[in-house]
Amino acid sequence: MIREEVIKLNKLGRMPNEDLDDDDSIDDLIDKYDDLLESIEKPVSFEEGEILIKLFPENAFYDLHWTLLQLIESLFGNIDLDKYETLIKDCPSEEWKETLLARFENSKAKNI
Protein backbone atom coordinates (compact mmCIF):
# COMPACT_ATOMS: atom_id res chain seq x y z
CA MET A 1 0.00 0.00 0.00
CA ILE A 2 1.30 3.41 -0.97
CA ARG A 3 0.76 6.18 1.55
CA GLU A 4 -1.11 9.36 0.65
CA GLU A 5 2.00 11.51 1.24
CA VAL A 6 3.95 9.51 -1.36
CA ILE A 7 1.08 9.82 -3.83
CA LYS A 8 1.07 13.60 -3.30
CA LEU A 9 4.85 13.74 -3.79
CA ASN A 10 4.47 11.76 -7.00
CA LYS A 11 1.99 14.37 -8.23
CA LEU A 12 4.45 17.17 -7.38
CA GLY A 13 7.03 15.37 -9.49
CA ARG A 14 10.79 15.52 -9.50
CA MET A 15 12.35 18.21 -7.33
CA PRO A 16 13.73 21.09 -9.37
CA ASN A 17 17.30 22.24 -8.84
CA GLU A 18 17.67 25.13 -6.46
CA ASP A 19 18.85 28.25 -8.20
CA LEU A 20 20.31 31.53 -7.00
CA ASP A 21 17.65 33.24 -9.11
CA ASP A 22 14.75 31.50 -7.33
CA ASP A 23 12.21 34.05 -6.17
CA ASP A 24 9.95 33.91 -3.13
CA SER A 25 7.39 31.75 -4.95
CA ILE A 26 9.74 28.78 -4.48
CA ASP A 27 9.05 28.90 -0.73
CA ASP A 28 5.60 27.34 -1.20
CA LEU A 29 7.04 24.48 -3.22
CA ILE A 30 9.81 23.92 -0.68
CA ASP A 31 7.22 23.80 2.10
CA LYS A 32 5.06 21.29 0.20
CA TYR A 33 7.96 18.91 -0.36
CA ASP A 34 9.25 19.39 3.17
CA ASP A 35 5.89 18.79 4.87
CA LEU A 36 5.20 15.66 2.85
CA LEU A 37 8.70 14.20 3.20
CA GLU A 38 8.83 14.84 6.94
CA SER A 39 5.42 13.24 7.48
CA ILE A 40 6.50 9.86 6.06
CA GLU A 41 7.36 7.37 8.76
CA LYS A 42 10.30 5.08 8.01
CA PRO A 43 10.76 2.54 6.65
CA VAL A 44 9.10 3.07 3.31
CA SER A 45 7.83 0.16 1.25
CA PHE A 46 9.57 -0.93 -1.95
CA GLU A 47 6.64 0.44 -3.98
CA GLU A 48 7.00 3.79 -2.23
CA GLY A 49 10.74 3.68 -2.86
CA GLU A 50 10.09 3.23 -6.57
CA ILE A 51 8.19 6.54 -6.54
CA LEU A 52 10.51 8.41 -4.19
CA ILE A 53 13.73 7.53 -6.03
CA LYS A 54 12.46 9.43 -9.07
CA LEU A 55 12.07 12.66 -7.07
CA PHE A 56 15.78 13.40 -6.66
CA PRO A 57 16.82 16.74 -8.18
CA GLU A 58 19.73 16.77 -10.57
CA ASN A 59 21.94 18.40 -7.93
CA ALA A 60 20.27 19.99 -4.90
CA PHE A 61 16.96 21.31 -3.65
CA TYR A 62 17.27 23.25 -0.37
CA ASP A 63 18.61 20.25 1.58
CA LEU A 64 15.39 18.28 1.06
CA HIS A 65 17.34 15.78 -1.03
CA TRP A 66 18.92 14.55 2.23
CA THR A 67 15.50 13.78 3.72
CA LEU A 68 14.66 11.93 0.53
CA LEU A 69 17.94 10.01 0.74
CA GLN A 70 17.14 8.92 4.31
CA LEU A 71 13.73 7.64 3.23
CA ILE A 72 15.30 5.60 0.42
CA GLU A 73 17.96 4.25 2.76
CA SER A 74 15.26 3.08 5.15
CA LEU A 75 14.78 0.24 2.66
CA PHE A 76 18.33 -1.05 3.26
CA GLY A 77 18.07 -4.26 5.23
CA ASN A 78 14.30 -4.45 4.67
CA ILE A 79 14.45 -5.71 1.09
CA ASP A 80 16.75 -7.96 -0.92
CA LEU A 81 20.10 -6.22 -1.56
CA ASP A 82 19.92 -6.82 -5.32
CA LYS A 83 16.46 -5.27 -5.40
CA TYR A 84 17.75 -2.29 -3.40
CA GLU A 85 20.68 -1.78 -5.77
CA THR A 86 18.36 -1.98 -8.78
CA LEU A 87 16.14 0.65 -7.19
CA ILE A 88 19.11 2.99 -6.72
CA LYS A 89 20.02 2.60 -10.40
CA ASP A 90 16.58 4.05 -11.27
CA CYS A 91 17.58 7.39 -9.72
CA PRO A 92 17.36 10.08 -12.44
CA SER A 93 20.23 12.10 -10.94
CA GLU A 94 23.74 10.81 -11.63
CA GLU A 95 25.06 12.68 -8.59
CA TRP A 96 22.54 11.18 -6.17
CA LYS A 97 22.75 7.75 -7.78
CA GLU A 98 26.51 7.77 -7.17
CA THR A 99 25.99 8.95 -3.58
CA LEU A 100 23.42 6.25 -2.86
CA LEU A 101 25.58 3.54 -4.46
CA ALA A 102 28.67 4.62 -2.49
CA ARG A 103 26.72 4.63 0.77
CA PHE A 104 25.22 1.24 -0.16
CA GLU A 105 28.67 -0.25 -0.79
CA ASN A 106 29.94 1.16 2.52
CA SER A 107 26.96 -0.29 4.39
CA LYS A 108 27.43 -3.69 2.78
CA ALA A 109 31.10 -3.67 3.74
CA LYS A 110 30.22 -2.93 7.38
CA ASN A 111 27.69 -5.77 7.45
CA ILE A 112 30.03 -8.45 6.07
C-alpha atoms as a PDB file:
ATOM      1  CA  MET A   1       0.000   0.000   0.000  1.00  0.00           C
ATOM      2  CA  ILE A   2       1.301   3.410  -0.973  1.00  0.00           C
ATOM      3  CA  ARG A   3       0.757   6.178   1.552  1.00  0.00           C
ATOM      4  CA  GLU A   4      -1.108   9.360   0.649  1.00  0.00           C
ATOM      5  CA  GLU A   5       2.003  11.511   1.242  1.00  0.00           C
ATOM      6  CA  VAL A   6       3.946   9.511  -1.355  1.00  0.00           C
ATOM      7  CA  ILE A   7       1.084   9.821  -3.829  1.00  0.00           C
ATOM      8  CA  LYS A   8       1.075  13.597  -3.304  1.00  0.00           C
ATOM      9  CA  LEU A   9       4.847  13.743  -3.790  1.00  0.00           C
ATOM     10  CA  ASN A  10       4.467  11.762  -6.997  1.00  0.00           C
ATOM     11  CA  LYS A  11       1.989  14.368  -8.226  1.00  0.00           C
ATOM     12  CA  LEU A  12       4.447  17.172  -7.377  1.00  0.00           C
ATOM     13  CA  GLY A  13       7.033  15.366  -9.490  1.00  0.00           C
ATOM     14  CA  ARG A  14      10.786  15.522  -9.497  1.00  0.00           C
ATOM     15  CA  MET A  15      12.351  18.209  -7.328  1.00  0.00           C
ATOM     16  CA  PRO A  16      13.730  21.086  -9.369  1.00  0.00           C
ATOM     17  CA  ASN A  17      17.296  22.241  -8.836  1.00  0.00           C
ATOM     18  CA  GLU A  18      17.672  25.129  -6.461  1.00  0.00           C
ATOM     19  CA  ASP A  19      18.846  28.254  -8.197  1.00  0.00           C
ATOM     20  CA  LEU A  20      20.307  31.528  -6.997  1.00  0.00           C
ATOM     21  CA  ASP A  21      17.646  33.236  -9.111  1.00  0.00           C
ATOM     22  CA  ASP A  22      14.750  31.495  -7.331  1.00  0.00           C
ATOM     23  CA  ASP A  23      12.209  34.045  -6.174  1.00  0.00           C
ATOM     24  CA  ASP A  24       9.946  33.909  -3.126  1.00  0.00           C
ATOM     25  CA  SER A  25       7.392  31.751  -4.949  1.00  0.00           C
ATOM     26  CA  ILE A  26       9.744  28.779  -4.480  1.00  0.00           C
ATOM     27  CA  ASP A  27       9.050  28.898  -0.735  1.00  0.00           C
ATOM     28  CA  ASP A  28       5.605  27.337  -1.196  1.00  0.00           C
ATOM     29  CA  LEU A  29       7.037  24.484  -3.221  1.00  0.00           C
ATOM     30  CA  ILE A  30       9.809  23.915  -0.685  1.00  0.00           C
ATOM     31  CA  ASP A  31       7.219  23.803   2.100  1.00  0.00           C
ATOM     32  CA  LYS A  32       5.062  21.293   0.204  1.00  0.00           C
ATOM     33  CA  TYR A  33       7.962  18.908  -0.360  1.00  0.00           C
ATOM     34  CA  ASP A  34       9.251  19.394   3.173  1.00  0.00           C
ATOM     35  CA  ASP A  35       5.890  18.793   4.870  1.00  0.00           C
ATOM     36  CA  LEU A  36       5.201  15.661   2.846  1.00  0.00           C
ATOM     37  CA  LEU A  37       8.701  14.198   3.199  1.00  0.00           C
ATOM     38  CA  GLU A  38       8.835  14.840   6.942  1.00  0.00           C
ATOM     39  CA  SER A  39       5.419  13.238   7.484  1.00  0.00           C
ATOM     40  CA  ILE A  40       6.496   9.865   6.064  1.00  0.00           C
ATOM     41  CA  GLU A  41       7.358   7.369   8.761  1.00  0.00           C
ATOM     42  CA  LYS A  42      10.298   5.078   8.006  1.00  0.00           C
ATOM     43  CA  PRO A  43      10.755   2.537   6.650  1.00  0.00           C
ATOM     44  CA  VAL A  44       9.101   3.074   3.306  1.00  0.00           C
ATOM     45  CA  SER A  45       7.831   0.160   1.245  1.00  0.00           C
ATOM     46  CA  PHE A  46       9.574  -0.927  -1.948  1.00  0.00           C
ATOM     47  CA  GLU A  47       6.641   0.436  -3.976  1.00  0.00           C
ATOM     48  CA  GLU A  48       7.003   3.791  -2.229  1.00  0.00           C
ATOM     49  CA  GLY A  49      10.744   3.683  -2.858  1.00  0.00           C
ATOM     50  CA  GLU A  50      10.094   3.228  -6.573  1.00  0.00           C
ATOM     51  CA  ILE A  51       8.195   6.540  -6.536  1.00  0.00           C
ATOM     52  CA  LEU A  52      10.510   8.414  -4.185  1.00  0.00           C
ATOM     53  CA  ILE A  53      13.728   7.526  -6.034  1.00  0.00           C
ATOM     54  CA  LYS A  54      12.456   9.428  -9.067  1.00  0.00           C
ATOM     55  CA  LEU A  55      12.066  12.662  -7.068  1.00  0.00           C
ATOM     56  CA  PHE A  56      15.783  13.403  -6.655  1.00  0.00           C
ATOM     57  CA  PRO A  57      16.820  16.741  -8.175  1.00  0.00           C
ATOM     58  CA  GLU A  58      19.735  16.772 -10.574  1.00  0.00           C
ATOM     59  CA  ASN A  59      21.941  18.398  -7.925  1.00  0.00           C
ATOM     60  CA  ALA A  60      20.269  19.992  -4.901  1.00  0.00           C
ATOM     61  CA  PHE A  61      16.963  21.314  -3.647  1.00  0.00           C
ATOM     62  CA  TYR A  62      17.266  23.247  -0.368  1.00  0.00           C
ATOM     63  CA  ASP A  63      18.611  20.246   1.578  1.00  0.00           C
ATOM     64  CA  LEU A  64      15.388  18.280   1.060  1.00  0.00           C
ATOM     65  CA  HIS A  65      17.344  15.781  -1.031  1.00  0.00           C
ATOM     66  CA  TRP A  66      18.918  14.553   2.233  1.00  0.00           C
ATOM     67  CA  THR A  67      15.502  13.779   3.715  1.00  0.00           C
ATOM     68  CA  LEU A  68      14.661  11.927   0.527  1.00  0.00           C
ATOM     69  CA  LEU A  69      17.945  10.007   0.741  1.00  0.00           C
ATOM     70  CA  GLN A  70      17.140   8.920   4.307  1.00  0.00           C
ATOM     71  CA  LEU A  71      13.731   7.638   3.229  1.00  0.00           C
ATOM     72  CA  ILE A  72      15.295   5.601   0.416  1.00  0.00           C
ATOM     73  CA  GLU A  73      17.961   4.252   2.763  1.00  0.00           C
ATOM     74  CA  SER A  74      15.259   3.080   5.155  1.00  0.00           C
ATOM     75  CA  LEU A  75      14.784   0.236   2.660  1.00  0.00           C
ATOM     76  CA  PHE A  76      18.330  -1.052   3.262  1.00  0.00           C
ATOM     77  CA  GLY A  77      18.071  -4.264   5.228  1.00  0.00           C
ATOM     78  CA  ASN A  78      14.305  -4.455   4.667  1.00  0.00           C
ATOM     79  CA  ILE A  79      14.452  -5.713   1.092  1.00  0.00           C
ATOM     80  CA  ASP A  80      16.752  -7.957  -0.922  1.00  0.00           C
ATOM     81  CA  LEU A  81      20.099  -6.224  -1.561  1.00  0.00           C
ATOM     82  CA  ASP A  82      19.920  -6.824  -5.325  1.00  0.00           C
ATOM     83  CA  LYS A  83      16.462  -5.269  -5.403  1.00  0.00           C
ATOM     84  CA  TYR A  84      17.746  -2.286  -3.401  1.00  0.00           C
ATOM     85  CA  GLU A  85      20.684  -1.784  -5.766  1.00  0.00           C
ATOM     86  CA  THR A  86      18.364  -1.978  -8.784  1.00  0.00           C
ATOM     87  CA  LEU A  87      16.136   0.653  -7.186  1.00  0.00           C
ATOM     88  CA  ILE A  88      19.114   2.987  -6.722  1.00  0.00           C
ATOM     89  CA  LYS A  89      20.016   2.601 -10.397  1.00  0.00           C
ATOM     90  CA  ASP A  90      16.583   4.051 -11.271  1.00  0.00           C
ATOM     91  CA  CYS A  91      17.582   7.387  -9.719  1.00  0.00           C
ATOM     92  CA  PRO A  92      17.364  10.078 -12.436  1.00  0.00           C
ATOM     93  CA  SER A  93      20.234  12.097 -10.935  1.00  0.00           C
ATOM     94  CA  GLU A  94      23.740  10.808 -11.635  1.00  0.00           C
ATOM     95  CA  GLU A  95      25.062  12.683  -8.594  1.00  0.00           C
ATOM     96  CA  TRP A  96      22.542  11.177  -6.172  1.00  0.00           C
ATOM     97  CA  LYS A  97      22.749   7.752  -7.783  1.00  0.00           C
ATOM     98  CA  GLU A  98      26.514   7.774  -7.172  1.00  0.00           C
ATOM     99  CA  THR A  99      25.992   8.954  -3.577  1.00  0.00           C
ATOM    100  CA  LEU A 100      23.420   6.250  -2.864  1.00  0.00           C
ATOM    101  CA  LEU A 101      25.577   3.539  -4.456  1.00  0.00           C
ATOM    102  CA  ALA A 102      28.669   4.622  -2.492  1.00  0.00           C
ATOM    103  CA  ARG A 103      26.716   4.627   0.766  1.00  0.00           C
ATOM    104  CA  PHE A 104      25.216   1.242  -0.158  1.00  0.00           C
ATOM    105  CA  GLU A 105      28.667  -0.249  -0.793  1.00  0.00           C
ATOM    106  CA  ASN A 106      29.940   1.165   2.523  1.00  0.00           C
ATOM    107  CA  SER A 107      26.962  -0.288   4.391  1.00  0.00           C
ATOM    108  CA  LYS A 108      27.428  -3.691   2.777  1.00  0.00           C
ATOM    109  CA  ALA A 109      31.101  -3.670   3.744  1.00  0.00           C
ATOM    110  CA  LYS A 110      30.222  -2.930   7.376  1.00  0.00           C
ATOM    111  CA  ASN A 111      27.694  -5.767   7.454  1.00  0.00           C
ATOM    112  CA  ILE A 112      30.030  -8.447   6.066  1.00  0.00           C
END
